[in-house]
């Protein structure tokens, strides 16, 4: 039995990789941060799309009602105006729900793995300042 701990293999930049200690360690943990970023961005875009659709619907209803008609009428023209953005509205709501759940789940994974960062065992403690790097 050796007293030396087994060193983890180095990653691409030469740093020792983090030990897999967390409850969701492994593949799920390394994709959590990008999933949180993408999920949050797409959810924000879906919210913006829903706001734009709301204003466009309001504008269409206002311009249609200027002729004395109502978008709540049972005519084909009123129904077409009401259904103009139905597909985009449904797509934005589904996207908001799906990517909101992805962002929430990845946030939970990151929260559960918050204490499993790699230790700085590869740091030798030597301070390097600008003069050392410049060669003086």
C-alpha atoms as a PDB file:
ATOM      1  CA  UNK A   1       0.000   0.000   0.000  1.00  0.00           C
ATOM      2  CA  UNK A   2       1.288   3.402  -0.928  1.00  0.00           C
ATOM      3  CA  UNK A   3       0.616   6.531   1.065  1.00  0.00           C
ATOM      4  CA  UNK A   4       0.680   8.701  -2.065  1.00  0.00           C
ATOM      5  CA  UNK A   5      -2.706   9.516  -3.516  1.00  0.00           C
ATOM      6  CA  UNK A   6      -3.337   8.479  -7.075  1.00  0.00           C
ATOM      7  CA  UNK A   7      -2.968  11.468  -9.369  1.00  0.00           C
ATOM      8  CA  UNK A   8      -5.812  12.167 -11.757  1.00  0.00           C
ATOM      9  CA  UNK A   9      -4.911  12.332 -15.456  1.00  0.00           C
ATOM     10  CA  UNK A  10      -4.144  15.786 -16.820  1.00  0.00           C
ATOM     11  CA  UNK A  11      -6.627  17.591 -19.014  1.00  0.00           C
ATOM     12  CA  UNK A  12      -5.808  19.449 -22.235  1.00  0.00           C
ATOM     13  CA  UNK A  13      -4.158  22.424 -20.506  1.00  0.00           C
ATOM     14  CA  UNK A  14      -1.974  20.306 -18.217  1.00  0.00           C
ATOM     15  CA  UNK A  15      -4.039  20.806 -15.053  1.00  0.00           C
ATOM     16  CA  UNK A  16      -5.080  17.795 -13.030  1.00  0.00           C
ATOM     17  CA  UNK A  17      -8.703  17.007 -13.680  1.00  0.00           C
ATOM     18  CA  UNK A  18     -11.271  17.331 -10.925  1.00  0.00           C
ATOM     19  CA  UNK A  19     -12.076  14.209  -8.942  1.00  0.00           C
ATOM     20  CA  UNK A  20     -15.526  12.781  -9.508  1.00  0.00           C
ATOM     21  CA  UNK A  21     -17.042  13.043  -6.039  1.00  0.00           C
ATOM     22  CA  UNK A  22     -20.444  14.642  -6.540  1.00  0.00           C
ATOM     23  CA  UNK A  23     -23.806  12.931  -6.746  1.00  0.00           C
ATOM     24  CA  UNK A  24     -24.088  13.789 -10.437  1.00  0.00           C
ATOM     25  CA  UNK A  25     -20.397  13.566 -11.231  1.00  0.00           C
ATOM     26  CA  UNK A  26     -19.313  12.522 -14.660  1.00  0.00           C
ATOM     27  CA  UNK A  27     -20.821  13.408 -17.987  1.00  0.00           C
ATOM     28  CA  UNK A  28     -23.867  15.208 -16.591  1.00  0.00           C
ATOM     29  CA  UNK A  29     -21.803  17.595 -14.522  1.00  0.00           C
ATOM     30  CA  UNK A  30     -19.575  18.832 -17.329  1.00  0.00           C
ATOM     31  CA  UNK A  31     -22.555  19.710 -19.542  1.00  0.00           C
ATOM     32  CA  UNK A  32     -24.475  21.544 -16.806  1.00  0.00           C
ATOM     33  CA  UNK A  33     -22.871  24.976 -17.261  1.00  0.00           C
ATOM     34  CA  UNK A  34     -23.349  25.153 -21.064  1.00  0.00           C
ATOM     35  CA  UNK A  35     -26.897  23.825 -20.652  1.00  0.00           C
ATOM     36  CA  UNK A  36     -27.619  26.542 -18.093  1.00  0.00           C
ATOM     37  CA  UNK A  37     -26.316  29.238 -20.432  1.00  0.00           C
ATOM     38  CA  UNK A  38     -28.172  27.948 -23.506  1.00  0.00           C
ATOM     39  CA  UNK A  39     -31.374  27.255 -21.577  1.00  0.00           C
ATOM     40  CA  UNK A  40     -31.373  30.722 -20.045  1.00  0.00           C
ATOM     41  CA  UNK A  41     -30.664  32.470 -23.348  1.00  0.00           C
ATOM     42  CA  UNK A  42     -33.346  30.585 -25.273  1.00  0.00           C
ATOM     43  CA  UNK A  43     -35.865  31.168 -22.474  1.00  0.00           C
ATOM     44  CA  UNK A  44     -35.148  34.908 -22.596  1.00  0.00           C
ATOM     45  CA  UNK A  45     -35.547  34.888 -26.398  1.00  0.00           C
ATOM     46  CA  UNK A  46     -38.891  33.062 -26.029  1.00  0.00           C
ATOM     47  CA  UNK A  47     -40.091  35.643 -23.512  1.00  0.00           C
ATOM     48  CA  UNK A  48     -39.075  38.452 -25.888  1.00  0.00           C
ATOM     49  CA  UNK A  49     -40.893  36.690 -28.745  1.00  0.00           C
ATOM     50  CA  UNK A  50     -44.053  36.385 -26.659  1.00  0.00           C
ATOM     51  CA  UNK A  51     -43.901  40.094 -25.821  1.00  0.00           C
ATOM     52  CA  UNK A  52     -43.474  40.992 -29.501  1.00  0.00           C
ATOM     53  CA  UNK A  53     -46.390  38.739 -30.459  1.00  0.00           C
ATOM     54  CA  UNK A  54     -48.548  40.407 -27.795  1.00  0.00           C
ATOM     55  CA  UNK A  55     -47.809  43.859 -29.231  1.00  0.00           C
ATOM     56  CA  UNK A  56     -48.405  42.683 -32.809  1.00  0.00           C
ATOM     57  CA  UNK A  57     -51.735  41.132 -31.816  1.00  0.00           C
ATOM     58  CA  UNK A  58     -52.719  44.344 -30.072  1.00  0.00           C
ATOM     59  CA  UNK A  59     -51.728  46.388 -33.119  1.00  0.00           C
ATOM     60  CA  UNK A  60     -53.672  44.129 -35.489  1.00  0.00           C
ATOM     61  CA  UNK A  61     -56.749  44.258 -33.262  1.00  0.00           C
ATOM     62  CA  UNK A  62     -56.524  48.043 -32.982  1.00  0.00           C
ATOM     63  CA  UNK A  63     -56.184  48.586 -36.729  1.00  0.00           C
ATOM     64  CA  UNK A  64     -59.006  46.136 -37.462  1.00  0.00           C
ATOM     65  CA  UNK A  65     -61.310  47.804 -34.955  1.00  0.00           C
ATOM     66  CA  UNK A  66     -60.751  51.231 -36.513  1.00  0.00           C
ATOM     67  CA  UNK A  67     -63.206  50.237 -39.248  1.00  0.00           C
ATOM     68  CA  UNK A  68     -65.908  49.614 -36.651  1.00  0.00           C
ATOM     69  CA  UNK A  69     -65.439  45.849 -36.566  1.00  0.00           C
ATOM     70  CA  UNK A  70     -64.274  43.682 -33.660  1.00  0.00           C
ATOM     71  CA  UNK A  71     -61.739  40.862 -33.646  1.00  0.00           C
ATOM     72  CA  UNK A  72     -64.139  38.947 -31.425  1.00  0.00           C
ATOM     73  CA  UNK A  73     -66.676  38.741 -34.267  1.00  0.00           C
ATOM     74  CA  UNK A  74     -67.552  35.325 -35.698  1.00  0.00           C
ATOM     75  CA  UNK A  75     -66.395  36.261 -39.200  1.00  0.00           C
ATOM     76  CA  UNK A  76     -63.632  34.501 -41.119  1.00  0.00           C
ATOM     77  CA  UNK A  77     -61.618  37.701 -41.308  1.00  0.00           C
ATOM     78  CA  UNK A  78     -61.723  38.218 -37.523  1.00  0.00           C
ATOM     79  CA  UNK A  79     -60.780  34.576 -36.923  1.00  0.00           C
ATOM     80  CA  UNK A  80     -57.818  34.923 -39.326  1.00  0.00           C
ATOM     81  CA  UNK A  81     -56.605  37.983 -37.438  1.00  0.00           C
ATOM     82  CA  UNK A  82     -56.909  36.149 -34.100  1.00  0.00           C
ATOM     83  CA  UNK A  83     -55.031  33.112 -35.459  1.00  0.00           C
ATOM     84  CA  UNK A  84     -52.247  35.030 -37.211  1.00  0.00           C
ATOM     85  CA  UNK A  85     -49.528  34.285 -34.651  1.00  0.00           C
ATOM     86  CA  UNK A  86     -50.890  31.079 -33.119  1.00  0.00           C
ATOM     87  CA  UNK A  87     -48.025  28.872 -34.323  1.00  0.00           C
ATOM     88  CA  UNK A  88     -45.347  31.293 -33.146  1.00  0.00           C
ATOM     89  CA  UNK A  89     -47.108  31.731 -29.815  1.00  0.00           C
ATOM     90  CA  UNK A  90     -47.360  27.972 -29.232  1.00  0.00           C
ATOM     91  CA  UNK A  91     -43.721  27.464 -30.287  1.00  0.00           C
ATOM     92  CA  UNK A  92     -42.531  30.231 -27.966  1.00  0.00           C
ATOM     93  CA  UNK A  93     -44.486  28.814 -25.022  1.00  0.00           C
ATOM     94  CA  UNK A  94     -43.197  25.270 -25.631  1.00  0.00           C
ATOM     95  CA  UNK A  95     -39.631  26.588 -26.032  1.00  0.00           C
ATOM     96  CA  UNK A  96     -39.953  28.622 -22.858  1.00  0.00           C
ATOM     97  CA  UNK A  97     -41.152  25.609 -20.877  1.00  0.00           C
ATOM     98  CA  UNK A  98     -38.578  23.159 -22.298  1.00  0.00           C
ATOM     99  CA  UNK A  99     -35.556  25.422 -22.028  1.00  0.00           C
ATOM    100  CA  UNK A 100     -36.729  26.773 -18.679  1.00  0.00           C
ATOM    101  CA  UNK A 101     -36.738  23.201 -17.354  1.00  0.00           C
ATOM    102  CA  UNK A 102     -33.275  22.600 -18.888  1.00  0.00           C
ATOM    103  CA  UNK A 103     -31.910  25.749 -17.229  1.00  0.00           C
ATOM    104  CA  UNK A 104     -33.502  24.845 -13.913  1.00  0.00           C
ATOM    105  CA  UNK A 105     -32.197  21.260 -13.998  1.00  0.00           C
ATOM    106  CA  UNK A 106     -28.672  22.323 -14.912  1.00  0.00           C
ATOM    107  CA  UNK A 107     -28.759  24.937 -12.156  1.00  0.00           C
ATOM    108  CA  UNK A 108     -29.685  22.208  -9.687  1.00  0.00           C
ATOM    109  CA  UNK A 109     -26.813  20.014 -10.938  1.00  0.00           C
ATOM    110  CA  UNK A 110     -24.360  22.900 -10.581  1.00  0.00           C
ATOM    111  CA  UNK A 111     -25.676  23.638  -7.088  1.00  0.00           C
ATOM    112  CA  UNK A 112     -25.292  20.029  -5.996  1.00  0.00           C
ATOM    113  CA  UNK A 113     -21.724  19.885  -7.353  1.00  0.00           C
ATOM    114  CA  UNK A 114     -20.625  23.275  -6.007  1.00  0.00           C
ATOM    115  CA  UNK A 115     -18.060  21.836  -3.578  1.00  0.00           C
ATOM    116  CA  UNK A 116     -16.364  19.403  -5.958  1.00  0.00           C
ATOM    117  CA  UNK A 117     -13.990  21.826  -7.692  1.00  0.00           C
ATOM    118  CA  UNK A 118     -10.487  20.628  -8.410  1.00  0.00           C
ATOM    119  CA  UNK A 119      -8.021  21.256  -5.641  1.00  0.00           C
ATOM    120  CA  UNK A 120      -5.023  23.363  -6.520  1.00  0.00           C
ATOM    121  CA  UNK A 121      -2.565  20.544  -5.841  1.00  0.00           C
ATOM    122  CA  UNK A 122      -0.690  21.377  -9.022  1.00  0.00           C
ATOM    123  CA  UNK A 123       0.218  24.873  -7.737  1.00  0.00           C
ATOM    124  CA  UNK A 124       3.783  24.893  -6.442  1.00  0.00           C
ATOM    125  CA  UNK A 125       3.230  28.115  -4.482  1.00  0.00           C
ATOM    126  CA  UNK A 126       5.726  30.167  -6.450  1.00  0.00           C
ATOM    127  CA  UNK A 127       4.562  33.688  -7.213  1.00  0.00           C
ATOM    128  CA  UNK A 128       5.424  34.953 -10.665  1.00  0.00           C
ATOM    129  CA  UNK A 129       5.173  38.667 -11.398  1.00  0.00           C
ATOM    130  CA  UNK A 130       5.559  40.692 -14.586  1.00  0.00           C
ATOM    131  CA  UNK A 131       9.339  41.089 -14.254  1.00  0.00           C
ATOM    132  CA  UNK A 132       9.780  37.325 -14.079  1.00  0.00           C
ATOM    133  CA  UNK A 133       7.645  36.846 -17.175  1.00  0.00           C
ATOM    134  CA  UNK A 134       9.408  39.631 -19.093  1.00  0.00           C
ATOM    135  CA  UNK A 135      12.775  37.975 -18.467  1.00  0.00           C
ATOM    136  CA  UNK A 136      14.345  40.693 -16.346  1.00  0.00           C
END
